[in-house]
Amino acid sequence: LRDGHMSAVDSPKEEILDVMGDHD
C-alpha cells in the first residue's frame, strides 16, 4: 500500500502519467 492510503498501491503512477497521461 502507498503510505497514507487505504487501498491505493505503491505503483509507478507518475511514470505511467509521464508516458501516457498527456494523450487526450
PDBML (XML) file of the C-alpha atoms, coordinates in Angstrom:
<?xml version="1.0" encoding="UTF-8" ?>
<PDBx:datablock datablockName="MODEL"
   xmlns:PDBx="http://pdbml.pdb.org/schema/pdbx-v50.xsd"
   xmlns:xsi="http://www.w3.org/2001/XMLSchema-instance"
   xsi:schemaLocation="http://pdbml.pdb.org/schema/pdbx-v50.xsd pdbx-v50.xsd">
   <PDBx:atom_siteCategory>
      <PDBx:atom_site id="1">
         <PDBx:B_iso_or_equiv>0.00</PDBx:B_iso_or_equiv>
         <PDBx:Cartn_x>0.000</PDBx:Cartn_x>
         <PDBx:Cartn_y>0.000</PDBx:Cartn_y>
         <PDBx:Cartn_z>0.000</PDBx:Cartn_z>
         <PDBx:auth_asym_id>A</PDBx:auth_asym_id>
         <PDBx:auth_atom_id>CA</PDBx:auth_atom_id>
         <PDBx:auth_comp_id>LEU</PDBx:auth_comp_id>
         <PDBx:auth_seq_id>1</PDBx:auth_seq_id>
         <PDBx:group_PDB>ATOM</PDBx:group_PDB>
         <PDBx:label_alt_id xsi:nil="true" />
         <PDBx:label_asym_id>A</PDBx:label_asym_id>
         <PDBx:label_atom_id>CA</PDBx:label_atom_id>
         <PDBx:label_comp_id>LEU</PDBx:label_comp_id>
         <PDBx:label_entity_id>1</PDBx:label_entity_id>
         <PDBx:label_seq_id>1</PDBx:label_seq_id>
         <PDBx:occupancy>1.00</PDBx:occupancy>
         <PDBx:pdbx_PDB_model_num>1</PDBx:pdbx_PDB_model_num>
         <PDBx:type_symbol>C</PDBx:type_symbol>
      </PDBx:atom_site>
      <PDBx:atom_site id="2">
         <PDBx:B_iso_or_equiv>0.00</PDBx:B_iso_or_equiv>
         <PDBx:Cartn_x>1.077</PDBx:Cartn_x>
         <PDBx:Cartn_y>3.566</PDBx:Cartn_y>
         <PDBx:Cartn_z>-0.652</PDBx:Cartn_z>
         <PDBx:auth_asym_id>A</PDBx:auth_asym_id>
         <PDBx:auth_atom_id>CA</PDBx:auth_atom_id>
         <PDBx:auth_comp_id>ARG</PDBx:auth_comp_id>
         <PDBx:auth_seq_id>2</PDBx:auth_seq_id>
         <PDBx:group_PDB>ATOM</PDBx:group_PDB>
         <PDBx:label_alt_id xsi:nil="true" />
         <PDBx:label_asym_id>A</PDBx:label_asym_id>
         <PDBx:label_atom_id>CA</PDBx:label_atom_id>
         <PDBx:label_comp_id>ARG</PDBx:label_comp_id>
         <PDBx:label_entity_id>1</PDBx:label_entity_id>
         <PDBx:label_seq_id>2</PDBx:label_seq_id>
         <PDBx:occupancy>1.00</PDBx:occupancy>
         <PDBx:pdbx_PDB_model_num>1</PDBx:pdbx_PDB_model_num>
         <PDBx:type_symbol>C</PDBx:type_symbol>
      </PDBx:atom_site>
      <PDBx:atom_site id="3">
         <PDBx:B_iso_or_equiv>0.00</PDBx:B_iso_or_equiv>
         <PDBx:Cartn_x>1.815</PDBx:Cartn_x>
         <PDBx:Cartn_y>5.495</PDBx:Cartn_y>
         <PDBx:Cartn_z>2.541</PDBx:Cartn_z>
         <PDBx:auth_asym_id>A</PDBx:auth_asym_id>
         <PDBx:auth_atom_id>CA</PDBx:auth_atom_id>
         <PDBx:auth_comp_id>ASP</PDBx:auth_comp_id>
         <PDBx:auth_seq_id>3</PDBx:auth_seq_id>
         <PDBx:group_PDB>ATOM</PDBx:group_PDB>
         <PDBx:label_alt_id xsi:nil="true" />
         <PDBx:label_asym_id>A</PDBx:label_asym_id>
         <PDBx:label_atom_id>CA</PDBx:label_atom_id>
         <PDBx:label_comp_id>ASP</PDBx:label_comp_id>
         <PDBx:label_entity_id>1</PDBx:label_entity_id>
         <PDBx:label_seq_id>3</PDBx:label_seq_id>
         <PDBx:occupancy>1.00</PDBx:occupancy>
         <PDBx:pdbx_PDB_model_num>1</PDBx:pdbx_PDB_model_num>
         <PDBx:type_symbol>C</PDBx:type_symbol>
      </PDBx:atom_site>
      <PDBx:atom_site id="4">
         <PDBx:B_iso_or_equiv>0.00</PDBx:B_iso_or_equiv>
         <PDBx:Cartn_x>-1.299</PDBx:Cartn_x>
         <PDBx:Cartn_y>7.200</PDBx:Cartn_y>
         <PDBx:Cartn_z>3.840</PDBx:Cartn_z>
         <PDBx:auth_asym_id>A</PDBx:auth_asym_id>
         <PDBx:auth_atom_id>CA</PDBx:auth_atom_id>
         <PDBx:auth_comp_id>GLY</PDBx:auth_comp_id>
         <PDBx:auth_seq_id>4</PDBx:auth_seq_id>
         <PDBx:group_PDB>ATOM</PDBx:group_PDB>
         <PDBx:label_alt_id xsi:nil="true" />
         <PDBx:label_asym_id>A</PDBx:label_asym_id>
         <PDBx:label_atom_id>CA</PDBx:label_atom_id>
         <PDBx:label_comp_id>GLY</PDBx:label_comp_id>
         <PDBx:label_entity_id>1</PDBx:label_entity_id>
         <PDBx:label_seq_id>4</PDBx:label_seq_id>
         <PDBx:occupancy>1.00</PDBx:occupancy>
         <PDBx:pdbx_PDB_model_num>1</PDBx:pdbx_PDB_model_num>
         <PDBx:type_symbol>C</PDBx:type_symbol>
      </PDBx:atom_site>
      <PDBx:atom_site id="5">
         <PDBx:B_iso_or_equiv>0.00</PDBx:B_iso_or_equiv>
         <PDBx:Cartn_x>-3.698</PDBx:Cartn_x>
         <PDBx:Cartn_y>5.342</PDBx:Cartn_y>
         <PDBx:Cartn_z>1.528</PDBx:Cartn_z>
         <PDBx:auth_asym_id>A</PDBx:auth_asym_id>
         <PDBx:auth_atom_id>CA</PDBx:auth_atom_id>
         <PDBx:auth_comp_id>HIS</PDBx:auth_comp_id>
         <PDBx:auth_seq_id>5</PDBx:auth_seq_id>
         <PDBx:group_PDB>ATOM</PDBx:group_PDB>
         <PDBx:label_alt_id xsi:nil="true" />
         <PDBx:label_asym_id>A</PDBx:label_asym_id>
         <PDBx:label_atom_id>CA</PDBx:label_atom_id>
         <PDBx:label_comp_id>HIS</PDBx:label_comp_id>
         <PDBx:label_entity_id>1</PDBx:label_entity_id>
         <PDBx:label_seq_id>5</PDBx:label_seq_id>
         <PDBx:occupancy>1.00</PDBx:occupancy>
         <PDBx:pdbx_PDB_model_num>1</PDBx:pdbx_PDB_model_num>
         <PDBx:type_symbol>C</PDBx:type_symbol>
      </PDBx:atom_site>
      <PDBx:atom_site id="6">
         <PDBx:B_iso_or_equiv>0.00</PDBx:B_iso_or_equiv>
         <PDBx:Cartn_x>-6.281</PDBx:Cartn_x>
         <PDBx:Cartn_y>2.717</PDBx:Cartn_y>
         <PDBx:Cartn_z>2.439</PDBx:Cartn_z>
         <PDBx:auth_asym_id>A</PDBx:auth_asym_id>
         <PDBx:auth_atom_id>CA</PDBx:auth_atom_id>
         <PDBx:auth_comp_id>MET</PDBx:auth_comp_id>
         <PDBx:auth_seq_id>6</PDBx:auth_seq_id>
         <PDBx:group_PDB>ATOM</PDBx:group_PDB>
         <PDBx:label_alt_id xsi:nil="true" />
         <PDBx:label_asym_id>A</PDBx:label_asym_id>
         <PDBx:label_atom_id>CA</PDBx:label_atom_id>
         <PDBx:label_comp_id>MET</PDBx:label_comp_id>
         <PDBx:label_entity_id>1</PDBx:label_entity_id>
         <PDBx:label_seq_id>6</PDBx:label_seq_id>
         <PDBx:occupancy>1.00</PDBx:occupancy>
         <PDBx:pdbx_PDB_model_num>1</PDBx:pdbx_PDB_model_num>
         <PDBx:type_symbol>C</PDBx:type_symbol>
      </PDBx:atom_site>
      <PDBx:atom_site id="7">
         <PDBx:B_iso_or_equiv>0.00</PDBx:B_iso_or_equiv>
         <PDBx:Cartn_x>-6.340</PDBx:Cartn_x>
         <PDBx:Cartn_y>0.935</PDBx:Cartn_y>
         <PDBx:Cartn_z>-0.933</PDBx:Cartn_z>
         <PDBx:auth_asym_id>A</PDBx:auth_asym_id>
         <PDBx:auth_atom_id>CA</PDBx:auth_atom_id>
         <PDBx:auth_comp_id>SER</PDBx:auth_comp_id>
         <PDBx:auth_seq_id>7</PDBx:auth_seq_id>
         <PDBx:group_PDB>ATOM</PDBx:group_PDB>
         <PDBx:label_alt_id xsi:nil="true" />
         <PDBx:label_asym_id>A</PDBx:label_asym_id>
         <PDBx:label_atom_id>CA</PDBx:label_atom_id>
         <PDBx:label_comp_id>SER</PDBx:label_comp_id>
         <PDBx:label_entity_id>1</PDBx:label_entity_id>
         <PDBx:label_seq_id>7</PDBx:label_seq_id>
         <PDBx:occupancy>1.00</PDBx:occupancy>
         <PDBx:pdbx_PDB_model_num>1</PDBx:pdbx_PDB_model_num>
         <PDBx:type_symbol>C</PDBx:type_symbol>
      </PDBx:atom_site>
      <PDBx:atom_site id="8">
         <PDBx:B_iso_or_equiv>0.00</PDBx:B_iso_or_equiv>
         <PDBx:Cartn_x>-4.018</PDBx:Cartn_x>
         <PDBx:Cartn_y>2.614</PDBx:Cartn_y>
         <PDBx:Cartn_z>-3.447</PDBx:Cartn_z>
         <PDBx:auth_asym_id>A</PDBx:auth_asym_id>
         <PDBx:auth_atom_id>CA</PDBx:auth_atom_id>
         <PDBx:auth_comp_id>ALA</PDBx:auth_comp_id>
         <PDBx:auth_seq_id>8</PDBx:auth_seq_id>
         <PDBx:group_PDB>ATOM</PDBx:group_PDB>
         <PDBx:label_alt_id xsi:nil="true" />
         <PDBx:label_asym_id>A</PDBx:label_asym_id>
         <PDBx:label_atom_id>CA</PDBx:label_atom_id>
         <PDBx:label_comp_id>ALA</PDBx:label_comp_id>
         <PDBx:label_entity_id>1</PDBx:label_entity_id>
         <PDBx:label_seq_id>8</PDBx:label_seq_id>
         <PDBx:occupancy>1.00</PDBx:occupancy>
         <PDBx:pdbx_PDB_model_num>1</PDBx:pdbx_PDB_model_num>
         <PDBx:type_symbol>C</PDBx:type_symbol>
      </PDBx:atom_site>
      <PDBx:atom_site id="9">
         <PDBx:B_iso_or_equiv>0.00</PDBx:B_iso_or_equiv>
         <PDBx:Cartn_x>-0.920</PDBx:Cartn_x>
         <PDBx:Cartn_y>0.547</PDBx:Cartn_y>
         <PDBx:Cartn_z>-4.231</PDBx:Cartn_z>
         <PDBx:auth_asym_id>A</PDBx:auth_asym_id>
         <PDBx:auth_atom_id>CA</PDBx:auth_atom_id>
         <PDBx:auth_comp_id>VAL</PDBx:auth_comp_id>
         <PDBx:auth_seq_id>9</PDBx:auth_seq_id>
         <PDBx:group_PDB>ATOM</PDBx:group_PDB>
         <PDBx:label_alt_id xsi:nil="true" />
         <PDBx:label_asym_id>A</PDBx:label_asym_id>
         <PDBx:label_atom_id>CA</PDBx:label_atom_id>
         <PDBx:label_comp_id>VAL</PDBx:label_comp_id>
         <PDBx:label_entity_id>1</PDBx:label_entity_id>
         <PDBx:label_seq_id>9</PDBx:label_seq_id>
         <PDBx:occupancy>1.00</PDBx:occupancy>
         <PDBx:pdbx_PDB_model_num>1</PDBx:pdbx_PDB_model_num>
         <PDBx:type_symbol>C</PDBx:type_symbol>
      </PDBx:atom_site>
      <PDBx:atom_site id="10">
         <PDBx:B_iso_or_equiv>0.00</PDBx:B_iso_or_equiv>
         <PDBx:Cartn_x>2.615</PDBx:Cartn_x>
         <PDBx:Cartn_y>1.895</PDBx:Cartn_y>
         <PDBx:Cartn_z>-4.299</PDBx:Cartn_z>
         <PDBx:auth_asym_id>A</PDBx:auth_asym_id>
         <PDBx:auth_atom_id>CA</PDBx:auth_atom_id>
         <PDBx:auth_comp_id>ASP</PDBx:auth_comp_id>
         <PDBx:auth_seq_id>10</PDBx:auth_seq_id>
         <PDBx:group_PDB>ATOM</PDBx:group_PDB>
         <PDBx:label_alt_id xsi:nil="true" />
         <PDBx:label_asym_id>A</PDBx:label_asym_id>
         <PDBx:label_atom_id>CA</PDBx:label_atom_id>
         <PDBx:label_comp_id>ASP</PDBx:label_comp_id>
         <PDBx:label_entity_id>1</PDBx:label_entity_id>
         <PDBx:label_seq_id>10</PDBx:label_seq_id>
         <PDBx:occupancy>1.00</PDBx:occupancy>
         <PDBx:pdbx_PDB_model_num>1</PDBx:pdbx_PDB_model_num>
         <PDBx:type_symbol>C</PDBx:type_symbol>
      </PDBx:atom_site>
      <PDBx:atom_site id="11">
         <PDBx:B_iso_or_equiv>0.00</PDBx:B_iso_or_equiv>
         <PDBx:Cartn_x>2.940</PDBx:Cartn_x>
         <PDBx:Cartn_y>1.513</PDBx:Cartn_y>
         <PDBx:Cartn_z>-8.070</PDBx:Cartn_z>
         <PDBx:auth_asym_id>A</PDBx:auth_asym_id>
         <PDBx:auth_atom_id>CA</PDBx:auth_atom_id>
         <PDBx:auth_comp_id>SER</PDBx:auth_comp_id>
         <PDBx:auth_seq_id>11</PDBx:auth_seq_id>
         <PDBx:group_PDB>ATOM</PDBx:group_PDB>
         <PDBx:label_alt_id xsi:nil="true" />
         <PDBx:label_asym_id>A</PDBx:label_asym_id>
         <PDBx:label_atom_id>CA</PDBx:label_atom_id>
         <PDBx:label_comp_id>SER</PDBx:label_comp_id>
         <PDBx:label_entity_id>1</PDBx:label_entity_id>
         <PDBx:label_seq_id>11</PDBx:label_seq_id>
         <PDBx:occupancy>1.00</PDBx:occupancy>
         <PDBx:pdbx_PDB_model_num>1</PDBx:pdbx_PDB_model_num>
         <PDBx:type_symbol>C</PDBx:type_symbol>
      </PDBx:atom_site>
      <PDBx:atom_site id="12">
         <PDBx:B_iso_or_equiv>0.00</PDBx:B_iso_or_equiv>
         <PDBx:Cartn_x>4.525</PDBx:Cartn_x>
         <PDBx:Cartn_y>3.617</PDBx:Cartn_y>
         <PDBx:Cartn_z>-10.839</PDBx:Cartn_z>
         <PDBx:auth_asym_id>A</PDBx:auth_asym_id>
         <PDBx:auth_atom_id>CA</PDBx:auth_atom_id>
         <PDBx:auth_comp_id>PRO</PDBx:auth_comp_id>
         <PDBx:auth_seq_id>12</PDBx:auth_seq_id>
         <PDBx:group_PDB>ATOM</PDBx:group_PDB>
         <PDBx:label_alt_id xsi:nil="true" />
         <PDBx:label_asym_id>A</PDBx:label_asym_id>
         <PDBx:label_atom_id>CA</PDBx:label_atom_id>
         <PDBx:label_comp_id>PRO</PDBx:label_comp_id>
         <PDBx:label_entity_id>1</PDBx:label_entity_id>
         <PDBx:label_seq_id>12</PDBx:label_seq_id>
         <PDBx:occupancy>1.00</PDBx:occupancy>
         <PDBx:pdbx_PDB_model_num>1</PDBx:pdbx_PDB_model_num>
         <PDBx:type_symbol>C</PDBx:type_symbol>
      </PDBx:atom_site>
      <PDBx:atom_site id="13">
         <PDBx:B_iso_or_equiv>0.00</PDBx:B_iso_or_equiv>
         <PDBx:Cartn_x>1.665</PDBx:Cartn_x>
         <PDBx:Cartn_y>6.136</PDBx:Cartn_y>
         <PDBx:Cartn_z>-11.178</PDBx:Cartn_z>
         <PDBx:auth_asym_id>A</PDBx:auth_asym_id>
         <PDBx:auth_atom_id>CA</PDBx:auth_atom_id>
         <PDBx:auth_comp_id>LYS</PDBx:auth_comp_id>
         <PDBx:auth_seq_id>13</PDBx:auth_seq_id>
         <PDBx:group_PDB>ATOM</PDBx:group_PDB>
         <PDBx:label_alt_id xsi:nil="true" />
         <PDBx:label_asym_id>A</PDBx:label_asym_id>
         <PDBx:label_atom_id>CA</PDBx:label_atom_id>
         <PDBx:label_comp_id>LYS</PDBx:label_comp_id>
         <PDBx:label_entity_id>1</PDBx:label_entity_id>
         <PDBx:label_seq_id>13</PDBx:label_seq_id>
         <PDBx:occupancy>1.00</PDBx:occupancy>
         <PDBx:pdbx_PDB_model_num>1</PDBx:pdbx_PDB_model_num>
         <PDBx:type_symbol>C</PDBx:type_symbol>
      </PDBx:atom_site>
      <PDBx:atom_site id="14">
         <PDBx:B_iso_or_equiv>0.00</PDBx:B_iso_or_equiv>
         <PDBx:Cartn_x>3.998</PDBx:Cartn_x>
         <PDBx:Cartn_y>9.014</PDBx:Cartn_y>
         <PDBx:Cartn_z>-12.036</PDBx:Cartn_z>
         <PDBx:auth_asym_id>A</PDBx:auth_asym_id>
         <PDBx:auth_atom_id>CA</PDBx:auth_atom_id>
         <PDBx:auth_comp_id>GLU</PDBx:auth_comp_id>
         <PDBx:auth_seq_id>14</PDBx:auth_seq_id>
         <PDBx:group_PDB>ATOM</PDBx:group_PDB>
         <PDBx:label_alt_id xsi:nil="true" />
         <PDBx:label_asym_id>A</PDBx:label_asym_id>
         <PDBx:label_atom_id>CA</PDBx:label_atom_id>
         <PDBx:label_comp_id>GLU</PDBx:label_comp_id>
         <PDBx:label_entity_id>1</PDBx:label_entity_id>
         <PDBx:label_seq_id>14</PDBx:label_seq_id>
         <PDBx:occupancy>1.00</PDBx:occupancy>
         <PDBx:pdbx_PDB_model_num>1</PDBx:pdbx_PDB_model_num>
         <PDBx:type_symbol>C</PDBx:type_symbol>
      </PDBx:atom_site>
      <PDBx:atom_site id="15">
         <PDBx:B_iso_or_equiv>0.00</PDBx:B_iso_or_equiv>
         <PDBx:Cartn_x>5.828</PDBx:Cartn_x>
         <PDBx:Cartn_y>7.019</PDBx:Cartn_y>
         <PDBx:Cartn_z>-14.711</PDBx:Cartn_z>
         <PDBx:auth_asym_id>A</PDBx:auth_asym_id>
         <PDBx:auth_atom_id>CA</PDBx:auth_atom_id>
         <PDBx:auth_comp_id>GLU</PDBx:auth_comp_id>
         <PDBx:auth_seq_id>15</PDBx:auth_seq_id>
         <PDBx:group_PDB>ATOM</PDBx:group_PDB>
         <PDBx:label_alt_id xsi:nil="true" />
         <PDBx:label_asym_id>A</PDBx:label_asym_id>
         <PDBx:label_atom_id>CA</PDBx:label_atom_id>
         <PDBx:label_comp_id>GLU</PDBx:label_comp_id>
         <PDBx:label_entity_id>1</PDBx:label_entity_id>
         <PDBx:label_seq_id>15</PDBx:label_seq_id>
         <PDBx:occupancy>1.00</PDBx:occupancy>
         <PDBx:pdbx_PDB_model_num>1</PDBx:pdbx_PDB_model_num>
         <PDBx:type_symbol>C</PDBx:type_symbol>
      </PDBx:atom_site>
      <PDBx:atom_site id="16">
         <PDBx:B_iso_or_equiv>0.00</PDBx:B_iso_or_equiv>
         <PDBx:Cartn_x>2.515</PDBx:Cartn_x>
         <PDBx:Cartn_y>5.949</PDBx:Cartn_y>
         <PDBx:Cartn_z>-16.266</PDBx:Cartn_z>
         <PDBx:auth_asym_id>A</PDBx:auth_asym_id>
         <PDBx:auth_atom_id>CA</PDBx:auth_atom_id>
         <PDBx:auth_comp_id>ILE</PDBx:auth_comp_id>
         <PDBx:auth_seq_id>16</PDBx:auth_seq_id>
         <PDBx:group_PDB>ATOM</PDBx:group_PDB>
         <PDBx:label_alt_id xsi:nil="true" />
         <PDBx:label_asym_id>A</PDBx:label_asym_id>
         <PDBx:label_atom_id>CA</PDBx:label_atom_id>
         <PDBx:label_comp_id>ILE</PDBx:label_comp_id>
         <PDBx:label_entity_id>1</PDBx:label_entity_id>
         <PDBx:label_seq_id>16</PDBx:label_seq_id>
         <PDBx:occupancy>1.00</PDBx:occupancy>
         <PDBx:pdbx_PDB_model_num>1</PDBx:pdbx_PDB_model_num>
         <PDBx:type_symbol>C</PDBx:type_symbol>
      </PDBx:atom_site>
      <PDBx:atom_site id="17">
         <PDBx:B_iso_or_equiv>0.00</PDBx:B_iso_or_equiv>
         <PDBx:Cartn_x>1.320</PDBx:Cartn_x>
         <PDBx:Cartn_y>9.540</PDBx:Cartn_y>
         <PDBx:Cartn_z>-16.360</PDBx:Cartn_z>
         <PDBx:auth_asym_id>A</PDBx:auth_asym_id>
         <PDBx:auth_atom_id>CA</PDBx:auth_atom_id>
         <PDBx:auth_comp_id>LEU</PDBx:auth_comp_id>
         <PDBx:auth_seq_id>17</PDBx:auth_seq_id>
         <PDBx:group_PDB>ATOM</PDBx:group_PDB>
         <PDBx:label_alt_id xsi:nil="true" />
         <PDBx:label_asym_id>A</PDBx:label_asym_id>
         <PDBx:label_atom_id>CA</PDBx:label_atom_id>
         <PDBx:label_comp_id>LEU</PDBx:label_comp_id>
         <PDBx:label_entity_id>1</PDBx:label_entity_id>
         <PDBx:label_seq_id>17</PDBx:label_seq_id>
         <PDBx:occupancy>1.00</PDBx:occupancy>
         <PDBx:pdbx_PDB_model_num>1</PDBx:pdbx_PDB_model_num>
         <PDBx:type_symbol>C</PDBx:type_symbol>
      </PDBx:atom_site>
      <PDBx:atom_site id="18">
         <PDBx:B_iso_or_equiv>0.00</PDBx:B_iso_or_equiv>
         <PDBx:Cartn_x>4.653</PDBx:Cartn_x>
         <PDBx:Cartn_y>10.733</PDBx:Cartn_y>
         <PDBx:Cartn_z>-17.831</PDBx:Cartn_z>
         <PDBx:auth_asym_id>A</PDBx:auth_asym_id>
         <PDBx:auth_atom_id>CA</PDBx:auth_atom_id>
         <PDBx:auth_comp_id>ASP</PDBx:auth_comp_id>
         <PDBx:auth_seq_id>18</PDBx:auth_seq_id>
         <PDBx:group_PDB>ATOM</PDBx:group_PDB>
         <PDBx:label_alt_id xsi:nil="true" />
         <PDBx:label_asym_id>A</PDBx:label_asym_id>
         <PDBx:label_atom_id>CA</PDBx:label_atom_id>
         <PDBx:label_comp_id>ASP</PDBx:label_comp_id>
         <PDBx:label_entity_id>1</PDBx:label_entity_id>
         <PDBx:label_seq_id>18</PDBx:label_seq_id>
         <PDBx:occupancy>1.00</PDBx:occupancy>
         <PDBx:pdbx_PDB_model_num>1</PDBx:pdbx_PDB_model_num>
         <PDBx:type_symbol>C</PDBx:type_symbol>
      </PDBx:atom_site>
      <PDBx:atom_site id="19">
         <PDBx:B_iso_or_equiv>0.00</PDBx:B_iso_or_equiv>
         <PDBx:Cartn_x>4.398</PDBx:Cartn_x>
         <PDBx:Cartn_y>8.242</PDBx:Cartn_y>
         <PDBx:Cartn_z>-20.695</PDBx:Cartn_z>
         <PDBx:auth_asym_id>A</PDBx:auth_asym_id>
         <PDBx:auth_atom_id>CA</PDBx:auth_atom_id>
         <PDBx:auth_comp_id>VAL</PDBx:auth_comp_id>
         <PDBx:auth_seq_id>19</PDBx:auth_seq_id>
         <PDBx:group_PDB>ATOM</PDBx:group_PDB>
         <PDBx:label_alt_id xsi:nil="true" />
         <PDBx:label_asym_id>A</PDBx:label_asym_id>
         <PDBx:label_atom_id>CA</PDBx:label_atom_id>
         <PDBx:label_comp_id>VAL</PDBx:label_comp_id>
         <PDBx:label_entity_id>1</PDBx:label_entity_id>
         <PDBx:label_seq_id>19</PDBx:label_seq_id>
         <PDBx:occupancy>1.00</PDBx:occupancy>
         <PDBx:pdbx_PDB_model_num>1</PDBx:pdbx_PDB_model_num>
         <PDBx:type_symbol>C</PDBx:type_symbol>
      </PDBx:atom_site>
      <PDBx:atom_site id="20">
         <PDBx:B_iso_or_equiv>0.00</PDBx:B_iso_or_equiv>
         <PDBx:Cartn_x>0.646</PDBx:Cartn_x>
         <PDBx:Cartn_y>8.085</PDBx:Cartn_y>
         <PDBx:Cartn_z>-21.276</PDBx:Cartn_z>
         <PDBx:auth_asym_id>A</PDBx:auth_asym_id>
         <PDBx:auth_atom_id>CA</PDBx:auth_atom_id>
         <PDBx:auth_comp_id>MET</PDBx:auth_comp_id>
         <PDBx:auth_seq_id>20</PDBx:auth_seq_id>
         <PDBx:group_PDB>ATOM</PDBx:group_PDB>
         <PDBx:label_alt_id xsi:nil="true" />
         <PDBx:label_asym_id>A</PDBx:label_asym_id>
         <PDBx:label_atom_id>CA</PDBx:label_atom_id>
         <PDBx:label_comp_id>MET</PDBx:label_comp_id>
         <PDBx:label_entity_id>1</PDBx:label_entity_id>
         <PDBx:label_seq_id>20</PDBx:label_seq_id>
         <PDBx:occupancy>1.00</PDBx:occupancy>
         <PDBx:pdbx_PDB_model_num>1</PDBx:pdbx_PDB_model_num>
         <PDBx:type_symbol>C</PDBx:type_symbol>
      </PDBx:atom_site>
      <PDBx:atom_site id="21">
         <PDBx:B_iso_or_equiv>0.00</PDBx:B_iso_or_equiv>
         <PDBx:Cartn_x>-1.022</PDBx:Cartn_x>
         <PDBx:Cartn_y>10.907</PDBx:Cartn_y>
         <PDBx:Cartn_z>-19.370</PDBx:Cartn_z>
         <PDBx:auth_asym_id>A</PDBx:auth_asym_id>
         <PDBx:auth_atom_id>CA</PDBx:auth_atom_id>
         <PDBx:auth_comp_id>GLY</PDBx:auth_comp_id>
         <PDBx:auth_seq_id>21</PDBx:auth_seq_id>
         <PDBx:group_PDB>ATOM</PDBx:group_PDB>
         <PDBx:label_alt_id xsi:nil="true" />
         <PDBx:label_asym_id>A</PDBx:label_asym_id>
         <PDBx:label_atom_id>CA</PDBx:label_atom_id>
         <PDBx:label_comp_id>GLY</PDBx:label_comp_id>
         <PDBx:label_entity_id>1</PDBx:label_entity_id>
         <PDBx:label_seq_id>21</PDBx:label_seq_id>
         <PDBx:occupancy>1.00</PDBx:occupancy>
         <PDBx:pdbx_PDB_model_num>1</PDBx:pdbx_PDB_model_num>
         <PDBx:type_symbol>C</PDBx:type_symbol>
      </PDBx:atom_site>
      <PDBx:atom_site id="22">
         <PDBx:B_iso_or_equiv>0.00</PDBx:B_iso_or_equiv>
         <PDBx:Cartn_x>-0.680</PDBx:Cartn_x>
         <PDBx:Cartn_y>13.645</PDBx:Cartn_y>
         <PDBx:Cartn_z>-21.981</PDBx:Cartn_z>
         <PDBx:auth_asym_id>A</PDBx:auth_asym_id>
         <PDBx:auth_atom_id>CA</PDBx:auth_atom_id>
         <PDBx:auth_comp_id>ASP</PDBx:auth_comp_id>
         <PDBx:auth_seq_id>22</PDBx:auth_seq_id>
         <PDBx:group_PDB>ATOM</PDBx:group_PDB>
         <PDBx:label_alt_id xsi:nil="true" />
         <PDBx:label_asym_id>A</PDBx:label_asym_id>
         <PDBx:label_atom_id>CA</PDBx:label_atom_id>
         <PDBx:label_comp_id>ASP</PDBx:label_comp_id>
         <PDBx:label_entity_id>1</PDBx:label_entity_id>
         <PDBx:label_seq_id>22</PDBx:label_seq_id>
         <PDBx:occupancy>1.00</PDBx:occupancy>
         <PDBx:pdbx_PDB_model_num>1</PDBx:pdbx_PDB_model_num>
         <PDBx:type_symbol>C</PDBx:type_symbol>
      </PDBx:atom_site>
      <PDBx:atom_site id="23">
         <PDBx:B_iso_or_equiv>0.00</PDBx:B_iso_or_equiv>
         <PDBx:Cartn_x>-2.747</PDBx:Cartn_x>
         <PDBx:Cartn_y>11.807</PDBx:Cartn_y>
         <PDBx:Cartn_z>-24.578</PDBx:Cartn_z>
         <PDBx:auth_asym_id>A</PDBx:auth_asym_id>
         <PDBx:auth_atom_id>CA</PDBx:auth_atom_id>
         <PDBx:auth_comp_id>HIS</PDBx:auth_comp_id>
         <PDBx:auth_seq_id>23</PDBx:auth_seq_id>
         <PDBx:group_PDB>ATOM</PDBx:group_PDB>
         <PDBx:label_alt_id xsi:nil="true" />
         <PDBx:label_asym_id>A</PDBx:label_asym_id>
         <PDBx:label_atom_id>CA</PDBx:label_atom_id>
         <PDBx:label_comp_id>HIS</PDBx:label_comp_id>
         <PDBx:label_entity_id>1</PDBx:label_entity_id>
         <PDBx:label_seq_id>23</PDBx:label_seq_id>
         <PDBx:occupancy>1.00</PDBx:occupancy>
         <PDBx:pdbx_PDB_model_num>1</PDBx:pdbx_PDB_model_num>
         <PDBx:type_symbol>C</PDBx:type_symbol>
      </PDBx:atom_site>
      <PDBx:atom_site id="24">
         <PDBx:B_iso_or_equiv>0.00</PDBx:B_iso_or_equiv>
         <PDBx:Cartn_x>-6.193</PDBx:Cartn_x>
         <PDBx:Cartn_y>13.419</PDBx:Cartn_y>
         <PDBx:Cartn_z>-24.853</PDBx:Cartn_z>
         <PDBx:auth_asym_id>A</PDBx:auth_asym_id>
         <PDBx:auth_atom_id>CA</PDBx:auth_atom_id>
         <PDBx:auth_comp_id>ASP</PDBx:auth_comp_id>
         <PDBx:auth_seq_id>24</PDBx:auth_seq_id>
         <PDBx:group_PDB>ATOM</PDBx:group_PDB>
         <PDBx:label_alt_id xsi:nil="true" />
         <PDBx:label_asym_id>A</PDBx:label_asym_id>
         <PDBx:label_atom_id>CA</PDBx:label_atom_id>
         <PDBx:label_comp_id>ASP</PDBx:label_comp_id>
         <PDBx:label_entity_id>1</PDBx:label_entity_id>
         <PDBx:label_seq_id>24</PDBx:label_seq_id>
         <PDBx:occupancy>1.00</PDBx:occupancy>
         <PDBx:pdbx_PDB_model_num>1</PDBx:pdbx_PDB_model_num>
         <PDBx:type_symbol>C</PDBx:type_symbol>
      </PDBx:atom_site>
   </PDBx:atom_siteCategory>
</PDBx:datablock>
